Amino acid sequence: MNHYPQQFQAILVACYSGHSYADRPASLMWNGERYDIVDIEREWFEPGQKHFIVRVTNANVAESEKRFHICYHTQEDLWRLKEIQ
């Protein structure tokens, strides 16, 4: 059984893949809306995980710029997200 902090949500992410999957996230689906990733502020790796701090925007949502911590869990092929301020 997986144990994740409650503030992390499972999400869908579209990403660019080069030498490996999830080299660079491009967009994500959150609360039924697509958000384009406009900046990757930070990225790091932990065993079995790829982490990114990203800034996103949505052309259909007013004041939509947000920051998220997204993480790809390689063994489960699963993305998770937490909104950050």
Protein backbone atom coordinates (compact mmCIF):
# COMPACT_ATOMS: atom_id res chain seq x y z
CA MET A 1 0.00 0.00 0.00
CA ASN A 2 1.27 3.47 -0.90
CA HIS A 3 1.43 6.22 1.68
CA TYR A 4 1.51 9.78 0.37
CA PRO A 5 0.88 12.99 2.29
CA GLN A 6 -2.76 13.99 1.91
CA GLN A 7 -1.82 17.29 0.26
CA PHE A 8 -0.43 15.41 -2.79
CA GLN A 9 -2.98 14.60 -5.52
CA ALA A 10 -2.64 12.16 -8.41
CA ILE A 11 -2.60 14.04 -11.73
CA LEU A 12 -2.01 13.61 -15.46
CA VAL A 13 1.13 15.18 -16.93
CA ALA A 14 2.23 15.57 -20.55
CA CYS A 15 5.99 15.69 -20.83
CA TYR A 16 8.89 15.72 -23.22
CA SER A 17 10.90 12.54 -23.16
CA GLY A 18 14.41 12.21 -24.46
CA HIS A 19 16.81 9.61 -23.12
CA SER A 20 14.24 8.60 -20.52
CA TYR A 21 10.57 9.21 -19.75
CA ALA A 22 9.63 12.46 -18.01
CA ASP A 23 12.71 14.47 -18.96
CA ARG A 24 10.72 17.71 -18.83
CA PRO A 25 7.02 18.22 -17.96
CA ALA A 26 5.11 20.39 -20.48
CA SER A 27 1.54 20.58 -19.12
CA LEU A 28 -0.69 19.07 -16.47
CA MET A 29 -4.37 18.50 -15.74
CA TRP A 30 -5.54 19.85 -12.39
CA ASN A 31 -9.13 20.29 -11.18
CA GLY A 32 -10.42 19.51 -14.68
CA GLU A 33 -8.31 22.22 -16.36
CA ARG A 34 -5.16 22.02 -18.47
CA TYR A 35 -2.25 24.15 -17.26
CA ASP A 36 0.81 24.84 -19.38
CA ILE A 37 4.15 24.73 -17.58
CA VAL A 38 5.86 28.05 -18.27
CA ASP A 39 8.91 27.57 -16.05
CA ILE A 40 10.71 24.74 -14.29
CA GLU A 41 12.20 26.49 -11.28
CA ARG A 42 13.93 23.46 -9.83
CA GLU A 43 14.31 19.75 -10.45
CA TRP A 44 15.93 16.95 -8.49
CA PHE A 45 16.03 13.20 -8.30
CA GLU A 46 15.50 10.81 -5.42
CA PRO A 47 15.51 7.00 -5.65
CA GLY A 48 12.51 6.08 -7.84
CA GLN A 49 11.28 9.70 -8.09
CA LYS A 50 11.73 12.77 -10.29
CA HIS A 51 10.75 16.06 -8.61
CA PHE A 52 9.99 19.41 -10.23
CA ILE A 53 8.97 22.83 -8.90
CA VAL A 54 7.01 24.44 -11.74
CA ARG A 55 5.10 27.61 -12.58
CA VAL A 56 1.95 27.06 -14.65
CA THR A 57 -0.73 29.12 -16.33
CA ASN A 58 -4.12 28.50 -17.94
CA ALA A 59 -5.38 30.83 -20.69
CA ASN A 60 -9.02 30.02 -19.78
CA VAL A 61 -8.76 30.86 -16.05
CA ALA A 62 -8.30 34.41 -14.76
CA GLU A 63 -5.30 34.85 -12.45
CA SER A 64 -4.28 31.28 -13.17
CA GLU A 65 -0.54 31.47 -12.54
CA LYS A 66 0.31 28.94 -9.86
CA ARG A 67 3.31 27.05 -8.49
CA PHE A 68 3.34 23.32 -7.93
CA HIS A 69 5.65 20.62 -6.67
CA ILE A 70 5.10 17.69 -9.01
CA CYS A 71 6.70 14.29 -8.63
CA TYR A 72 6.92 11.33 -10.98
CA HIS A 73 7.05 7.98 -9.19
CA THR A 74 8.87 5.73 -11.65
CA GLN A 75 7.96 2.31 -10.22
CA GLU A 76 4.24 3.13 -10.18
CA ASP A 77 4.24 5.24 -13.37
CA LEU A 78 2.30 7.86 -11.41
CA TRP A 79 2.47 11.65 -11.15
CA ARG A 80 1.52 13.51 -7.96
CA LEU A 81 1.12 17.22 -7.29
CA LYS A 82 1.07 19.63 -4.36
CA GLU A 83 0.26 23.33 -4.77
CA ILE A 84 2.84 25.64 -3.20
CA GLN A 85 2.81 29.36 -2.53
